[in-house]
Protein backbone atom coordinates (compact mmCIF):
# COMPACT_ATOMS: atom_id res chain seq x y z
CA MET A 1 -6.30 -31.63 -2.27
CA ALA A 2 -10.02 -31.14 -2.02
CA VAL A 3 -11.66 -27.75 -2.25
CA ASN A 4 -12.91 -26.13 0.91
CA ALA A 5 -15.13 -23.17 0.88
CA ASP A 6 -13.98 -22.19 4.57
CA ASN A 7 -10.61 -21.13 3.01
CA VAL A 8 -12.45 -18.38 0.71
CA ARG A 9 -11.64 -14.96 2.25
CA VAL A 10 -13.29 -11.55 1.63
CA GLY A 11 -11.77 -8.06 2.60
CA LEU A 12 -14.60 -6.94 4.77
CA ASN A 13 -12.82 -4.12 6.39
CA GLY A 14 -9.39 -2.48 6.63
CA ASN A 15 -7.23 0.48 6.96
CA VAL A 16 -4.08 1.68 5.27
CA TYR A 17 -1.26 3.17 7.53
CA VAL A 18 1.70 5.33 6.69
CA ALA A 19 4.81 6.09 8.79
CA PRO A 20 8.32 7.57 8.31
CA LYS A 21 10.78 5.16 6.51
CA GLY A 22 12.43 3.02 9.28
CA THR A 23 9.47 2.99 11.80
CA ALA A 24 9.14 -0.36 13.44
CA ALA A 25 6.09 -2.20 12.31
CA PRO A 26 4.07 -4.69 14.43
CA THR A 27 5.53 -8.22 14.17
CA ASP A 28 2.44 -10.00 15.09
CA LEU A 29 -1.31 -9.35 14.70
CA THR A 30 -2.16 -8.31 18.30
CA THR A 31 0.20 -5.50 18.84
CA ALA A 32 -1.35 -2.06 17.96
CA TRP A 33 0.29 0.10 15.33
CA GLY A 34 2.63 2.51 16.92
CA ALA A 35 2.07 6.22 17.28
CA ALA A 36 4.19 7.05 14.26
CA TRP A 37 1.72 4.83 12.17
CA LYS A 38 -0.82 7.45 10.76
CA ASP A 39 -4.22 5.83 9.75
CA LEU A 40 -5.32 7.34 6.34
CA GLY A 41 -9.10 6.98 7.39
CA TYR A 42 -11.72 6.03 5.25
CA LEU A 43 -11.08 4.60 1.78
CA ASN A 44 -13.55 4.48 -0.95
CA ASP A 45 -15.63 1.29 -1.41
CA ASP A 46 -13.15 -0.23 -4.02
CA GLY A 47 -11.05 -0.89 -0.95
CA VAL A 48 -7.30 -1.67 -1.56
CA GLU A 49 -5.84 -3.21 -4.66
CA MET A 50 -2.57 -5.28 -4.06
CA GLU A 51 -0.62 -6.30 -7.14
CA TYR A 52 2.45 -8.46 -7.35
CA SER A 53 4.10 -9.08 -10.68
CA THR A 54 7.46 -10.50 -12.01
CA ASP A 55 9.02 -10.09 -15.63
CA VAL A 56 11.25 -12.59 -17.16
CA GLU A 57 13.59 -12.33 -20.12
CA ASP A 58 13.49 -15.21 -22.56
CA ILE A 59 17.01 -16.28 -23.53
CA MET A 60 16.92 -17.88 -27.03
CA ALA A 61 19.45 -20.02 -28.94
CA TRP A 62 19.77 -20.18 -32.59
CA GLN A 63 19.42 -24.06 -32.56
CA SER A 64 15.97 -23.75 -30.65
CA LEU A 65 12.46 -22.12 -31.53
CA SER A 66 11.68 -22.21 -28.08
CA PRO A 67 13.53 -20.50 -25.15
CA VAL A 68 16.47 -22.38 -23.70
CA ARG A 69 16.24 -20.38 -20.40
CA ARG A 70 14.17 -17.75 -18.69
CA VAL A 71 15.70 -15.32 -16.30
CA LEU A 72 13.63 -13.19 -13.57
CA THR A 73 14.42 -9.56 -14.57
CA SER A 74 12.17 -7.88 -12.22
CA VAL A 75 9.78 -7.93 -9.44
CA ASP A 76 7.04 -5.29 -8.61
CA MET A 77 4.58 -4.91 -5.71
CA THR A 78 1.87 -2.12 -5.60
CA LEU A 79 -0.92 -1.27 -3.24
CA ALA A 80 -3.65 1.12 -4.76
CA PHE A 81 -6.44 2.88 -2.83
CA THR A 82 -8.43 5.96 -2.85
CA ALA A 83 -8.61 8.01 0.53
CA ILE A 84 -11.86 9.81 0.97
CA GLU A 85 -10.93 11.56 4.14
CA LEU A 86 -8.94 14.50 3.54
CA ARG A 87 -6.94 14.21 6.61
CA ALA A 88 -3.59 16.05 6.64
CA ASP A 89 -1.57 12.66 6.37
CA ALA A 90 -3.45 11.83 3.40
CA MET A 91 -3.07 15.23 1.58
CA THR A 92 0.65 15.42 2.34
CA LEU A 93 1.00 11.72 0.97
CA TYR A 94 -0.78 12.71 -2.05
CA PHE A 95 1.12 16.06 -2.49
CA PRO A 96 4.71 14.97 -1.60
CA ASP A 97 6.88 17.61 0.32
CA SER A 98 3.86 19.72 0.72
CA THR A 99 3.13 21.40 4.11
CA ILE A 100 -0.18 22.46 5.85
CA THR A 101 -0.18 25.68 8.08
CA GLU A 102 -2.86 27.33 10.15
CA VAL A 103 -3.57 30.67 8.50
CA THR A 104 -6.22 31.70 11.01
CA ALA A 105 -6.27 30.11 14.33
CA GLY A 106 -8.24 26.98 14.27
CA THR A 107 -10.38 28.03 11.24
CA VAL A 108 -8.36 28.34 7.98
CA TYR A 109 -5.54 26.27 6.96
CA LYS A 110 -3.42 26.48 3.84
CA LEU A 111 -1.68 23.54 1.84
CA ASP A 112 1.64 24.72 -0.06
CA ILE A 113 2.17 22.25 -2.91
CA PRO A 114 5.80 22.25 -4.15
CA SER A 115 6.64 22.78 -7.79
CA ALA A 116 9.68 20.34 -7.53
CA PRO A 117 8.90 17.74 -4.62
CA GLY A 118 11.69 15.39 -3.67
CA SER A 119 11.49 11.77 -3.11
CA ALA A 120 8.99 10.84 -0.47
CA GLU A 121 9.74 7.28 0.60
CA MET A 122 7.64 6.04 3.61
CA ALA A 123 6.72 2.82 5.30
CA PHE A 124 3.25 1.53 4.79
CA GLY A 125 0.92 -1.01 6.41
CA PHE A 126 -2.22 -2.54 5.28
CA GLU A 127 -4.49 -4.31 7.51
CA TRP A 128 -7.74 -6.20 6.57
CA VAL A 129 -10.07 -8.45 8.38
CA ASP A 130 -12.48 -11.30 7.51
CA ASP A 131 -14.53 -12.20 10.76
CA THR A 132 -11.82 -13.58 12.93
CA ILE A 133 -9.12 -13.72 10.15
CA ILE A 134 -6.64 -10.72 10.45
CA ASN A 135 -3.91 -9.93 7.77
CA ARG A 136 -1.31 -7.32 7.87
CA VAL A 137 0.93 -6.46 4.89
CA ILE A 138 4.06 -4.35 5.83
CA ILE A 139 6.06 -2.44 3.14
CA PRO A 140 9.11 -1.12 5.08
CA ARG A 141 10.20 1.08 2.06
CA GLY A 142 7.80 2.44 -0.54
CA GLU A 143 6.58 5.53 -2.14
CA VAL A 144 3.37 6.87 -3.98
CA THR A 145 4.35 6.63 -7.56
CA ASP A 146 1.01 7.22 -9.21
CA ARG A 147 -1.77 9.46 -8.39
CA GLU A 148 -5.33 9.56 -10.10
CA SER A 149 -7.11 12.75 -10.82
CA VAL A 150 -9.15 14.38 -8.03
CA ASN A 151 -12.68 14.83 -9.03
CA PHE A 152 -15.08 17.26 -7.45
CA GLN A 153 -18.63 16.34 -8.18
CA ARG A 154 -21.96 16.25 -6.72
CA GLY A 155 -22.94 12.93 -4.96
CA GLU A 156 -19.33 11.51 -4.99
CA PRO A 157 -16.71 11.93 -2.22
CA VAL A 158 -13.68 13.83 -3.16
CA GLY A 159 -10.90 11.12 -3.43
CA LEU A 160 -7.14 10.95 -3.54
CA GLY A 161 -6.39 7.93 -5.55
CA MET A 162 -2.72 6.65 -5.04
CA THR A 163 -0.67 3.63 -5.88
CA VAL A 164 2.18 2.80 -3.61
CA SER A 165 5.28 1.08 -5.02
CA ALA A 166 7.22 -1.18 -2.65
CA TYR A 167 11.13 -0.93 -2.91
CA ALA A 168 13.72 -3.23 -1.88
CA SER A 169 15.17 -2.58 1.46
CA SER A 170 18.08 -3.69 3.33
CA SER A 171 16.28 -7.09 4.24
CA PRO A 172 15.69 -9.64 1.45
CA GLU A 173 12.03 -9.14 1.75
CA LEU A 174 9.94 -6.57 -0.41
CA ALA A 175 7.19 -6.94 1.89
CA THR A 176 5.74 -9.13 4.98
CA TRP A 177 2.53 -10.50 5.07
CA LEU A 178 1.12 -11.61 8.40
CA SER A 179 -1.89 -13.70 8.89
CA ASN A 180 -3.87 -15.96 11.45
CA ASP A 181 -5.50 -17.65 8.42
CA PRO A 182 -5.72 -21.47 9.52
CA SER A 183 -5.63 -22.06 5.74
CA TRP A 184 -2.19 -21.28 5.40
CA ALA A 185 -0.90 -23.99 7.76
CA THR A 186 1.03 -26.56 6.03
CA ALA A 187 0.28 -30.28 6.30
């Protein structure tokens, strides 16, 4: 197959969404994200990092110096990003089981961070565009499993760095990636 520079993509812009686990996600590229899907707002300029990895176990035999078989033992998929808009949805995602309450009408709010948070499984959506190419990745069941330090310094936005791990759900897919990218068309 010949190389084609028209098939090179850039993540020019995008959004990360979060919703309660079990929330229906768009099944196409034109349907708007439903009201239950909350946009986490601005992300730092590193964008979103998606990682997919597999682990295999080598089966060795006494009679061979090379593996006689390899068995897939795990699959892992993560999304990592840093939210720089300190919206309630981003704050309570970073601090699971936390609550924000109004202390003084419209002027003072309080974030209570629990000492022993429970599991915080959610549905996640990631949409990115490159000119007319639209991509949506939907993780029906996932959880923030890693959090970066929150830094407060002059000249830098306060960011909530998070890594979301995808979990297997009742369907056979770990995630779904939708795209209108013509380079995906098979010949």
